[in-house]
């Protein structure tokens, strides 16, 4: 069960069944089962510049304000590669579950962010964020594959993904929209 929860939280930086919601950010989240893995695809649009969007997704320690994220710490930075340790927690039926992971990010300024789990509580976690400029906004596109280290049936995993991941991406979109009021120093 612990590993199931880890999978769900990692998908937040986080979908067969598409789940779309009408939000001010045009949030779309879908989960597809591919063998033992799940493909998580999400997108949302925020009225900020691509530079502000890139600053947001590369604020590895600032994501501690997202629901479920207990700690996120940069371990090292070499060129465009960043290693991050993350501690996540979720409650299921009032029982807290903690999950740890170490991720490596590869930054492509103002365009994309690629990530891969180096160690942690899932068998596999790898994906990307892509930033697409629109007229007065930026579209965030997330695409990842996750393979949980769990014996929990996939139907249960899908249920939790749909209910937890959507909330996570909605929180991210709301936080990203605040970047407009507090622009990054690197975007001036």
N, C-alpha and C. Protein backbone atom coordinates (compact mmCIF):
# COMPACT_ATOMS: atom_id res chain seq x y z
N UNK A 1 0.82 -1.18 0.00
CA UNK A 1 0.00 0.00 0.00
C UNK A 1 0.87 1.25 0.00
N UNK A 2 1.99 1.22 0.72
CA UNK A 2 2.91 2.34 0.80
C UNK A 2 3.41 2.70 -0.60
N UNK A 3 3.71 1.70 -1.38
CA UNK A 3 4.25 1.94 -2.71
C UNK A 3 3.18 2.48 -3.65
N UNK A 4 1.95 2.07 -3.46
CA UNK A 4 0.86 2.60 -4.25
C UNK A 4 0.74 4.10 -4.03
N UNK A 5 0.80 4.51 -2.80
CA UNK A 5 0.67 5.92 -2.48
C UNK A 5 1.85 6.70 -3.07
N UNK A 6 3.04 6.12 -2.99
CA UNK A 6 4.22 6.78 -3.56
C UNK A 6 4.00 7.04 -5.05
N UNK A 7 3.52 6.05 -5.73
CA UNK A 7 3.25 6.18 -7.15
C UNK A 7 2.30 7.34 -7.41
N UNK A 8 1.27 7.42 -6.62
CA UNK A 8 0.27 8.46 -6.83
C UNK A 8 0.84 9.85 -6.60
N UNK A 9 1.66 9.99 -5.62
CA UNK A 9 2.23 11.30 -5.33
C UNK A 9 3.30 11.70 -6.34
N UNK A 10 4.11 10.76 -6.75
CA UNK A 10 5.14 11.08 -7.74
C UNK A 10 4.49 11.56 -9.02
N UNK A 11 3.38 10.99 -9.39
CA UNK A 11 2.71 11.41 -10.60
C UNK A 11 2.30 12.88 -10.53
N UNK A 12 2.27 13.46 -9.35
CA UNK A 12 1.89 14.86 -9.28
C UNK A 12 2.92 15.78 -9.84
N UNK A 13 4.36 15.41 -9.93
CA UNK A 13 5.41 16.28 -10.50
C UNK A 13 6.05 15.86 -11.75
N UNK A 14 5.50 15.44 -10.82
CA UNK A 14 4.00 14.63 -10.84
C UNK A 14 4.33 14.57 -11.19
N UNK A 15 -4.30 10.47 -18.91
CA UNK A 15 -3.93 9.53 -18.02
C UNK A 15 -4.49 8.49 -18.77
N UNK A 16 -6.22 4.63 -21.84
CA UNK A 16 -7.39 4.60 -21.59
C UNK A 16 -8.43 5.45 -21.09
N UNK A 17 -8.32 6.19 -19.85
CA UNK A 17 -9.48 6.95 -19.46
C UNK A 17 -9.06 8.40 -19.33
N UNK A 18 -9.66 9.25 -20.13
CA UNK A 18 -9.30 10.66 -20.01
C UNK A 18 -10.22 11.32 -19.02
N UNK A 19 -9.66 12.20 -18.25
CA UNK A 19 -10.45 12.91 -17.26
C UNK A 19 -10.22 14.39 -17.51
N UNK A 20 -11.25 15.06 -17.95
CA UNK A 20 -11.10 16.47 -18.25
C UNK A 20 -12.02 17.27 -17.35
N UNK A 21 -11.55 18.42 -16.97
CA UNK A 21 -12.35 19.29 -16.13
C UNK A 21 -12.31 20.69 -16.68
N UNK A 22 -13.41 21.38 -16.54
CA UNK A 22 -13.45 22.76 -16.95
C UNK A 22 -12.94 23.61 -15.80
N UNK A 23 -11.76 24.15 -15.98
CA UNK A 23 -11.16 25.00 -14.96
C UNK A 23 -10.68 26.26 -15.64
N UNK A 24 -10.33 27.26 -14.85
CA UNK A 24 -9.80 28.47 -15.48
C UNK A 24 -8.47 28.23 -16.19
N UNK A 25 -7.86 27.08 -15.97
CA UNK A 25 -6.56 26.78 -16.56
C UNK A 25 -6.66 25.76 -17.69
N UNK A 26 -7.86 25.42 -18.12
CA UNK A 26 -8.09 24.40 -19.15
C UNK A 26 -7.32 23.12 -18.80
N UNK A 27 -7.44 22.71 -17.55
CA UNK A 27 -6.73 21.53 -17.05
C UNK A 27 -7.28 20.26 -17.66
N UNK A 28 -6.37 19.42 -18.14
CA UNK A 28 -6.73 18.12 -18.71
C UNK A 28 -5.77 17.08 -18.12
N UNK A 29 -6.32 16.00 -17.62
CA UNK A 29 -5.51 14.94 -17.03
C UNK A 29 -6.04 13.61 -17.56
N UNK A 30 -5.12 12.73 -17.95
CA UNK A 30 -5.50 11.41 -18.42
C UNK A 30 -4.53 10.36 -17.91
N UNK A 31 -5.05 9.16 -17.67
CA UNK A 31 -4.23 8.03 -17.22
C UNK A 31 -4.52 6.85 -18.13
N UNK A 32 -3.45 6.23 -18.62
CA UNK A 32 -3.59 5.06 -19.47
C UNK A 32 -2.72 3.94 -18.91
N UNK A 33 -3.26 2.75 -18.84
CA UNK A 33 -2.49 1.59 -18.37
C UNK A 33 -1.77 0.99 -19.57
N UNK A 34 -0.44 0.85 -19.44
CA UNK A 34 0.40 0.27 -20.49
C UNK A 34 1.19 -0.89 -19.87
N UNK A 35 0.65 -2.08 -19.90
CA UNK A 35 1.30 -3.22 -19.24
C UNK A 35 1.33 -2.99 -17.75
N UNK A 36 2.52 -3.03 -17.15
CA UNK A 36 2.68 -2.79 -15.72
C UNK A 36 2.81 -1.32 -15.38
N UNK A 37 2.88 -0.47 -16.40
CA UNK A 37 3.10 0.96 -16.18
C UNK A 37 1.83 1.76 -16.45
N UNK A 38 1.84 2.96 -15.94
CA UNK A 38 0.78 3.91 -16.21
C UNK A 38 1.38 5.12 -16.90
N UNK A 39 0.72 5.56 -17.95
CA UNK A 39 1.11 6.79 -18.65
C UNK A 39 0.22 7.89 -18.08
N UNK A 40 0.84 8.94 -17.59
CA UNK A 40 0.12 10.09 -17.04
C UNK A 40 0.39 11.27 -17.96
N UNK A 41 -0.68 11.82 -18.51
CA UNK A 41 -0.56 12.97 -19.40
C UNK A 41 -1.45 14.07 -18.83
N UNK A 42 -0.88 15.26 -18.72
CA UNK A 42 -1.65 16.38 -18.20
C UNK A 42 -1.22 17.65 -18.92
N UNK A 43 -2.13 18.61 -18.96
CA UNK A 43 -1.78 19.92 -19.49
C UNK A 43 -2.66 20.96 -18.83
N UNK A 44 -2.11 22.15 -18.76
CA UNK A 44 -2.88 23.30 -18.29
C UNK A 44 -2.26 24.56 -18.85
N UNK A 45 -3.06 25.63 -18.91
CA UNK A 45 -2.61 26.89 -19.47
C UNK A 45 -2.69 27.98 -18.41
N UNK A 46 -1.60 28.74 -18.28
CA UNK A 46 -1.53 29.78 -17.26
C UNK A 46 -1.08 31.09 -17.93
N UNK A 47 -1.69 32.22 -17.56
CA UNK A 47 -1.33 33.50 -18.18
C UNK A 47 -0.01 34.07 -17.64
N UNK A 48 1.09 33.36 -17.91
CA UNK A 48 2.43 33.82 -17.55
C UNK A 48 3.34 33.58 -18.75
N UNK A 49 4.51 34.19 -18.73
CA UNK A 49 5.46 34.01 -19.83
C UNK A 49 6.13 32.64 -19.72
N UNK A 50 6.76 32.22 -20.81
CA UNK A 50 7.49 30.95 -20.80
C UNK A 50 8.62 31.01 -19.78
N UNK A 51 9.27 32.16 -19.66
CA UNK A 51 10.35 32.30 -18.69
C UNK A 51 9.82 32.11 -17.26
N UNK A 52 8.69 32.73 -16.95
CA UNK A 52 8.08 32.56 -15.63
C UNK A 52 7.65 31.11 -15.40
N UNK A 53 7.15 30.46 -16.44
CA UNK A 53 6.74 29.06 -16.35
C UNK A 53 7.94 28.16 -16.08
N UNK A 54 9.05 28.42 -16.78
CA UNK A 54 10.26 27.61 -16.57
C UNK A 54 10.80 27.83 -15.16
N UNK A 55 10.77 29.05 -14.70
CA UNK A 55 11.19 29.36 -13.33
C UNK A 55 10.34 28.59 -12.32
N UNK A 56 9.05 28.49 -12.60
CA UNK A 56 8.14 27.76 -11.71
C UNK A 56 8.46 26.26 -11.66
N UNK A 57 8.59 25.61 -12.83
CA UNK A 57 8.80 24.16 -12.81
C UNK A 57 10.21 23.76 -12.36
N UNK A 58 11.13 24.73 -12.35
CA UNK A 58 12.48 24.41 -11.87
C UNK A 58 12.73 24.92 -10.45
N UNK A 59 11.69 25.34 -9.77
CA UNK A 59 11.79 25.73 -8.36
C UNK A 59 11.57 24.46 -7.54
N UNK A 60 12.59 23.61 -7.53
CA UNK A 60 12.48 22.28 -6.94
C UNK A 60 12.17 22.31 -5.45
N UNK A 61 12.66 23.30 -4.75
CA UNK A 61 12.41 23.38 -3.31
C UNK A 61 11.12 24.13 -3.01
N UNK A 62 10.66 24.93 -3.94
CA UNK A 62 9.43 25.70 -3.74
C UNK A 62 8.16 24.87 -3.84
N UNK A 63 8.26 23.65 -4.35
CA UNK A 63 7.06 22.82 -4.48
C UNK A 63 6.58 22.27 -3.15
N UNK A 64 7.30 22.58 -2.08
CA UNK A 64 6.88 22.12 -0.75
C UNK A 64 5.50 22.65 -0.39
N UNK A 65 5.05 23.67 -1.12
CA UNK A 65 3.72 24.23 -0.85
C UNK A 65 2.60 23.45 -1.52
N UNK A 66 2.94 22.46 -2.33
CA UNK A 66 1.92 21.64 -2.97
C UNK A 66 1.39 20.59 -2.01
N UNK A 67 0.11 20.27 -2.12
CA UNK A 67 -0.44 19.22 -1.27
C UNK A 67 0.32 17.90 -1.48
N UNK A 68 0.65 17.24 -0.39
CA UNK A 68 1.32 15.94 -0.46
C UNK A 68 2.83 16.01 -0.44
N UNK A 69 3.42 17.18 -0.70
CA UNK A 69 4.87 17.31 -0.72
C UNK A 69 5.33 17.76 0.67
N UNK A 70 6.08 16.90 1.35
CA UNK A 70 6.59 17.21 2.68
C UNK A 70 7.94 17.91 2.58
N UNK A 71 8.81 17.41 1.70
CA UNK A 71 10.13 18.00 1.55
C UNK A 71 10.64 17.77 0.13
N UNK A 72 11.39 18.72 -0.38
CA UNK A 72 12.02 18.61 -1.68
C UNK A 72 13.30 19.43 -1.60
N UNK A 73 14.43 18.75 -1.80
CA UNK A 73 15.71 19.38 -1.57
C UNK A 73 16.66 19.11 -2.74
N UNK A 74 17.32 20.16 -3.23
CA UNK A 74 18.33 20.00 -4.28
C UNK A 74 19.57 19.40 -3.65
N UNK A 75 20.01 18.25 -4.19
CA UNK A 75 21.21 17.58 -3.70
C UNK A 75 22.46 18.04 -4.43
N UNK A 76 22.32 18.26 -5.74
CA UNK A 76 23.46 18.74 -6.53
C UNK A 76 22.97 19.37 -7.82
N UNK A 77 23.84 20.21 -8.37
CA UNK A 77 23.55 20.86 -9.65
C UNK A 77 24.85 20.90 -10.44
N UNK A 78 24.84 20.28 -11.63
CA UNK A 78 26.00 20.28 -12.51
C UNK A 78 25.53 20.64 -13.90
N UNK A 79 25.88 21.83 -14.35
CA UNK A 79 25.41 22.27 -15.66
C UNK A 79 23.90 22.34 -15.67
N UNK A 80 23.29 21.63 -16.62
CA UNK A 80 21.83 21.64 -16.72
C UNK A 80 21.18 20.43 -16.04
N UNK A 81 21.96 19.69 -15.22
CA UNK A 81 21.43 18.51 -14.51
C UNK A 81 21.31 18.82 -13.02
N UNK A 82 20.15 18.46 -12.47
CA UNK A 82 19.87 18.72 -11.06
C UNK A 82 19.36 17.44 -10.41
N UNK A 83 19.96 17.08 -9.27
CA UNK A 83 19.49 15.92 -8.50
C UNK A 83 18.68 16.44 -7.32
N UNK A 84 17.50 15.85 -7.12
CA UNK A 84 16.58 16.32 -6.09
C UNK A 84 16.09 15.13 -5.26
N UNK A 85 16.09 15.30 -3.93
CA UNK A 85 15.50 14.30 -3.02
C UNK A 85 14.12 14.82 -2.63
N UNK A 86 13.15 13.93 -2.65
CA UNK A 86 11.78 14.34 -2.38
C UNK A 86 11.12 13.39 -1.39
N UNK A 87 10.38 13.94 -0.46
CA UNK A 87 9.58 13.18 0.50
C UNK A 87 8.13 13.59 0.32
N UNK A 88 7.29 12.61 0.06
CA UNK A 88 5.87 12.86 -0.17
C UNK A 88 5.05 12.12 0.87
N UNK A 89 3.87 12.65 1.15
CA UNK A 89 2.98 11.99 2.09
C UNK A 89 1.54 12.17 1.63
N UNK A 90 0.79 11.12 1.74
CA UNK A 90 -0.64 11.15 1.41
C UNK A 90 -1.36 10.35 2.46
N UNK A 91 -2.61 10.71 2.69
CA UNK A 91 -3.43 9.96 3.64
C UNK A 91 -4.51 9.22 2.87
N UNK A 92 -4.60 7.94 3.18
CA UNK A 92 -5.68 7.13 2.62
C UNK A 92 -6.39 6.50 3.79
N UNK A 93 -7.68 6.80 3.89
CA UNK A 93 -8.48 6.32 5.01
C UNK A 93 -7.82 6.71 6.34
N UNK A 94 -7.35 7.95 6.41
CA UNK A 94 -6.75 8.53 7.61
C UNK A 94 -5.40 7.91 8.00
N UNK A 95 -4.84 7.08 7.15
CA UNK A 95 -3.54 6.47 7.42
C UNK A 95 -2.49 7.20 6.58
N UNK A 96 -1.47 7.80 7.24
CA UNK A 96 -0.44 8.51 6.46
C UNK A 96 0.58 7.54 5.86
N UNK A 97 0.95 7.82 4.62
CA UNK A 97 1.96 7.03 3.93
C UNK A 97 3.04 7.97 3.42
N UNK A 98 4.31 7.68 3.76
CA UNK A 98 5.43 8.48 3.29
C UNK A 98 6.16 7.74 2.18
N UNK A 99 6.62 8.50 1.20
CA UNK A 99 7.37 7.94 0.08
C UNK A 99 8.57 8.83 -0.21
N UNK A 100 9.67 8.19 -0.52
CA UNK A 100 10.90 8.92 -0.84
C UNK A 100 11.33 8.60 -2.27
N UNK A 101 11.99 9.58 -2.87
CA UNK A 101 12.56 9.35 -4.20
C UNK A 101 13.71 10.32 -4.42
N UNK A 102 14.61 9.91 -5.28
CA UNK A 102 15.68 10.78 -5.75
C UNK A 102 15.53 10.86 -7.26
N UNK A 103 15.44 12.08 -7.77
CA UNK A 103 15.20 12.31 -9.18
C UNK A 103 16.34 13.09 -9.80
N UNK A 104 16.56 12.85 -11.08
CA UNK A 104 17.50 13.68 -11.83
C UNK A 104 16.70 14.43 -12.88
N UNK A 105 16.89 15.74 -12.92
CA UNK A 105 16.24 16.61 -13.89
C UNK A 105 17.28 17.11 -14.88
N UNK A 106 16.88 17.24 -16.13
CA UNK A 106 17.72 17.85 -17.16
C UNK A 106 16.91 19.03 -17.69
N UNK A 107 17.48 20.22 -17.53
CA UNK A 107 16.80 21.46 -17.89
C UNK A 107 17.16 21.91 -19.31
N UNK A 108 16.15 22.26 -20.07
CA UNK A 108 16.32 22.90 -21.37
C UNK A 108 15.61 24.25 -21.22
N UNK A 109 16.35 25.31 -20.89
CA UNK A 109 15.75 26.59 -20.51
C UNK A 109 14.62 27.06 -21.41
N UNK A 110 13.53 27.41 -20.75
CA UNK A 110 12.33 27.97 -21.37
C UNK A 110 11.67 27.08 -22.41
N UNK A 111 12.01 25.79 -22.39
CA UNK A 111 11.42 24.85 -23.34
C UNK A 111 10.92 23.57 -22.68
N UNK A 112 11.79 22.92 -21.88
CA UNK A 112 11.43 21.61 -21.37
C UNK A 112 12.21 21.26 -20.11
N UNK A 113 11.71 20.26 -19.43
CA UNK A 113 12.36 19.71 -18.25
C UNK A 113 12.15 18.20 -18.31
N UNK A 114 13.24 17.43 -18.38
CA UNK A 114 13.18 15.98 -18.44
C UNK A 114 13.57 15.43 -17.08
N UNK A 115 12.91 14.37 -16.64
CA UNK A 115 13.22 13.81 -15.32
C UNK A 115 13.18 12.30 -15.33
N UNK A 116 13.94 11.73 -14.37
CA UNK A 116 14.00 10.28 -14.23
C UNK A 116 14.32 9.96 -12.77
N UNK A 117 13.62 8.98 -12.23
CA UNK A 117 13.89 8.55 -10.87
C UNK A 117 15.19 7.75 -10.85
N UNK A 118 16.11 8.14 -9.96
CA UNK A 118 17.36 7.40 -9.79
C UNK A 118 17.20 6.32 -8.73
N UNK A 119 16.43 6.61 -7.70
CA UNK A 119 16.11 5.63 -6.66
C UNK A 119 14.81 6.07 -5.99
N UNK A 120 14.14 5.10 -5.38
CA UNK A 120 12.89 5.46 -4.71
C UNK A 120 11.96 4.27 -4.58
N UNK A 121 10.73 4.60 -4.24
CA UNK A 121 9.74 3.57 -3.93
C UNK A 121 8.90 3.10 -5.10
N UNK A 122 9.22 3.52 -6.32
CA UNK A 122 8.57 2.97 -7.50
C UNK A 122 9.62 2.25 -8.33
N UNK A 123 9.16 1.31 -9.14
CA UNK A 123 10.10 0.59 -10.00
C UNK A 123 10.62 1.49 -11.12
N UNK A 124 9.75 2.39 -11.60
CA UNK A 124 10.11 3.20 -12.76
C UNK A 124 9.32 4.50 -12.70
N UNK A 125 9.99 5.61 -12.99
CA UNK A 125 9.33 6.91 -13.10
C UNK A 125 10.19 7.79 -13.99
N UNK A 126 9.66 8.16 -15.13
CA UNK A 126 10.43 8.95 -16.10
C UNK A 126 9.45 9.76 -16.94
N UNK A 127 9.84 11.00 -17.26
CA UNK A 127 8.95 11.80 -18.08
C UNK A 127 9.50 13.18 -18.38
N UNK A 128 8.58 14.08 -18.74
CA UNK A 128 8.99 15.43 -19.12
C UNK A 128 7.88 16.44 -18.88
N UNK A 129 8.32 17.68 -18.78
CA UNK A 129 7.47 18.85 -18.84
C UNK A 129 7.87 19.60 -20.10
N UNK A 130 6.91 20.04 -20.88
CA UNK A 130 7.21 20.88 -22.04
C UNK A 130 6.40 22.17 -21.90
N UNK A 131 7.01 23.27 -22.30
CA UNK A 131 6.37 24.57 -22.19
C UNK A 131 6.12 25.11 -23.59
N UNK A 132 4.87 25.45 -23.87
CA UNK A 132 4.49 25.94 -25.19
C UNK A 132 3.92 27.35 -25.06
N UNK A 133 4.58 28.34 -25.65
CA UNK A 133 4.07 29.71 -25.55
C UNK A 133 2.79 29.88 -26.38
N UNK A 134 1.83 30.54 -25.81
CA UNK A 134 0.61 30.95 -26.51
C UNK A 134 0.60 32.47 -26.54
N UNK A 135 -0.44 33.07 -27.05
CA UNK A 135 -0.46 34.53 -27.21
C UNK A 135 -0.15 35.26 -25.90
N UNK A 136 -0.91 35.04 -24.86
CA UNK A 136 -0.70 35.73 -23.58
C UNK A 136 -0.54 34.74 -22.44
N UNK A 137 -0.07 33.55 -22.74
CA UNK A 137 0.04 32.53 -21.70
C UNK A 137 1.04 31.46 -22.11
N UNK A 138 1.18 30.46 -21.23
CA UNK A 138 2.05 29.32 -21.51
C UNK A 138 1.27 28.05 -21.20
N UNK A 139 1.38 27.07 -22.09
CA UNK A 139 0.76 25.76 -21.87
C UNK A 139 1.83 24.85 -21.29
N UNK A 140 1.53 24.27 -20.14
CA UNK A 140 2.38 23.28 -19.48
C UNK A 140 1.90 21.90 -19.94
N UNK A 141 2.81 21.09 -20.48
CA UNK A 141 2.45 19.72 -20.89
C UNK A 141 3.33 18.74 -20.13
N UNK A 142 2.69 17.83 -19.41
CA UNK A 142 3.36 16.83 -18.60
C UNK A 142 3.10 15.46 -19.21
N UNK A 143 4.14 14.65 -19.32
CA UNK A 143 4.00 13.30 -19.87
C UNK A 143 4.98 12.41 -19.11
N UNK A 144 4.47 11.39 -18.43
CA UNK A 144 5.35 10.52 -17.66
C UNK A 144 4.81 9.09 -17.65
N UNK A 145 5.73 8.17 -17.40
CA UNK A 145 5.37 6.78 -17.18
C UNK A 145 5.83 6.39 -15.79
N UNK A 146 4.97 5.66 -15.11
CA UNK A 146 5.25 5.23 -13.73
C UNK A 146 4.90 3.76 -13.62
N UNK A 147 5.80 3.02 -12.97
CA UNK A 147 5.51 1.62 -12.65
C UNK A 147 5.61 1.47 -11.14
N UNK A 148 4.47 1.27 -10.50
CA UNK A 148 4.49 1.15 -9.04
C UNK A 148 5.12 -0.16 -8.58
N UNK A 149 5.70 -0.15 -7.40
CA UNK A 149 6.23 -1.36 -6.78
C UNK A 149 5.17 -1.87 -5.81
N UNK A 150 4.10 -2.37 -6.35
CA UNK A 150 2.97 -2.72 -5.50
C UNK A 150 2.20 -3.91 -6.06
N UNK A 151 1.56 -4.60 -5.17
CA UNK A 151 0.69 -5.71 -5.57
C UNK A 151 -0.77 -5.28 -5.58
N UNK A 152 -1.01 -3.99 -5.39
CA UNK A 152 -2.37 -3.46 -5.39
C UNK A 152 -2.92 -3.55 -6.81
N UNK A 153 -4.16 -3.98 -6.96
CA UNK A 153 -4.75 -4.10 -8.31
C UNK A 153 -4.74 -2.77 -9.06
N UNK A 154 -4.53 -2.84 -10.37
CA UNK A 154 -4.42 -1.63 -11.18
C UNK A 154 -5.70 -0.80 -11.15
N UNK A 155 -6.84 -1.41 -10.97
CA UNK A 155 -8.10 -0.67 -10.89
C UNK A 155 -8.08 0.27 -9.70
N UNK A 156 -7.53 -0.18 -8.58
CA UNK A 156 -7.42 0.66 -7.38
C UNK A 156 -6.43 1.79 -7.63
N UNK A 157 -5.30 1.48 -8.27
CA UNK A 157 -4.31 2.51 -8.58
C UNK A 157 -4.92 3.58 -9.48
N UNK A 158 -5.63 3.16 -10.53
CA UNK A 158 -6.27 4.11 -11.43
C UNK A 158 -7.23 5.03 -10.70
N UNK A 159 -8.01 4.46 -9.79
CA UNK A 159 -8.97 5.25 -9.02
C UNK A 159 -8.25 6.35 -8.25
N UNK A 160 -7.19 5.99 -7.54
CA UNK A 160 -6.46 6.98 -6.76
C UNK A 160 -5.76 8.00 -7.65
N UNK A 161 -5.22 7.56 -8.77
CA UNK A 161 -4.57 8.50 -9.69
C UNK A 161 -5.56 9.57 -10.11
N UNK A 162 -6.72 9.14 -10.52
CA UNK A 162 -7.71 10.10 -11.02
C UNK A 162 -8.15 11.07 -9.95
N UNK A 163 -8.18 10.64 -8.72
CA UNK A 163 -8.65 11.52 -7.65
C UNK A 163 -7.55 12.36 -7.03
N UNK A 164 -6.32 11.90 -7.02
CA UNK A 164 -5.22 12.64 -6.40
C UNK A 164 -4.48 13.49 -7.43
N UNK A 165 -4.18 12.93 -8.58
CA UNK A 165 -3.37 13.62 -9.57
C UNK A 165 -4.06 14.87 -10.10
N UNK A 166 -5.35 14.78 -10.36
CA UNK A 166 -6.09 15.94 -10.86
C UNK A 166 -5.97 17.11 -9.87
N UNK A 167 -6.13 16.81 -8.60
CA UNK A 167 -6.01 17.84 -7.56
C UNK A 167 -4.60 18.43 -7.54
N UNK A 168 -3.58 17.58 -7.71
CA UNK A 168 -2.19 18.04 -7.70
C UNK A 168 -1.93 19.01 -8.86
N UNK A 169 -2.37 18.66 -10.06
CA UNK A 169 -2.13 19.53 -11.21
C UNK A 169 -2.92 20.83 -11.09
N UNK A 170 -4.11 20.76 -10.53
CA UNK A 170 -4.89 21.98 -10.33
C UNK A 170 -4.16 22.92 -9.35
N UNK A 171 -3.60 22.35 -8.29
CA UNK A 171 -2.82 23.16 -7.34
C UNK A 171 -1.59 23.77 -8.01
N UNK A 172 -0.93 22.98 -8.87
CA UNK A 172 0.24 23.49 -9.59
C UNK A 172 -0.15 24.66 -10.49
N UNK A 173 -1.26 24.53 -11.21
CA UNK A 173 -1.70 25.61 -12.09
C UNK A 173 -2.00 26.87 -11.30
N UNK A 174 -2.65 26.71 -10.16
CA UNK A 174 -2.95 27.87 -9.31
C UNK A 174 -1.67 28.53 -8.81
N UNK A 175 -0.69 27.71 -8.37
CA UNK A 175 0.58 28.27 -7.90
C UNK A 175 1.34 28.95 -9.04
N UNK A 176 1.33 28.35 -10.22
CA UNK A 176 2.04 28.93 -11.37
C UNK A 176 1.43 30.28 -11.74
N UNK A 177 0.12 30.41 -11.62
CA UNK A 177 -0.52 31.68 -11.97
C UNK A 177 -0.07 32.81 -11.06
N UNK A 178 0.41 32.48 -9.87
CA UNK A 178 0.90 33.51 -8.95
C UNK A 178 2.27 34.05 -9.37
N UNK A 179 2.96 33.35 -10.26
CA UNK A 179 4.27 33.80 -10.75
C UNK A 179 4.16 35.15 -11.45
N UNK A 180 3.02 35.45 -12.03
CA UNK A 180 2.82 36.72 -12.73
C UNK A 180 2.95 37.88 -11.75
N UNK A 181 2.45 37.70 -10.54
CA UNK A 181 2.50 38.79 -9.56
C UNK A 181 3.86 38.89 -8.88
N UNK A 182 4.65 37.82 -8.93
CA UNK A 182 6.00 37.83 -8.34
C UNK A 182 6.96 37.28 -9.39
N UNK A 183 7.30 38.10 -10.40
CA UNK A 183 8.15 37.59 -11.47
C UNK A 183 9.55 37.20 -10.99
N UNK A 184 10.10 36.21 -11.65
CA UNK A 184 11.44 35.74 -11.34
C UNK A 184 12.47 36.80 -11.74
N UNK A 185 13.54 36.88 -10.98
CA UNK A 185 14.62 37.82 -11.31
C UNK A 185 15.20 37.52 -12.68
N UNK A 186 15.25 36.24 -13.04
CA UNK A 186 15.85 35.85 -14.32
C UNK A 186 14.96 36.19 -15.50
N UNK A 187 13.71 36.61 -15.27
CA UNK A 187 12.78 36.90 -16.36
C UNK A 187 12.61 38.40 -16.62
N UNK A 188 13.37 39.23 -15.94
CA UNK A 188 13.20 40.69 -16.12
C UNK A 188 13.95 41.18 -17.33
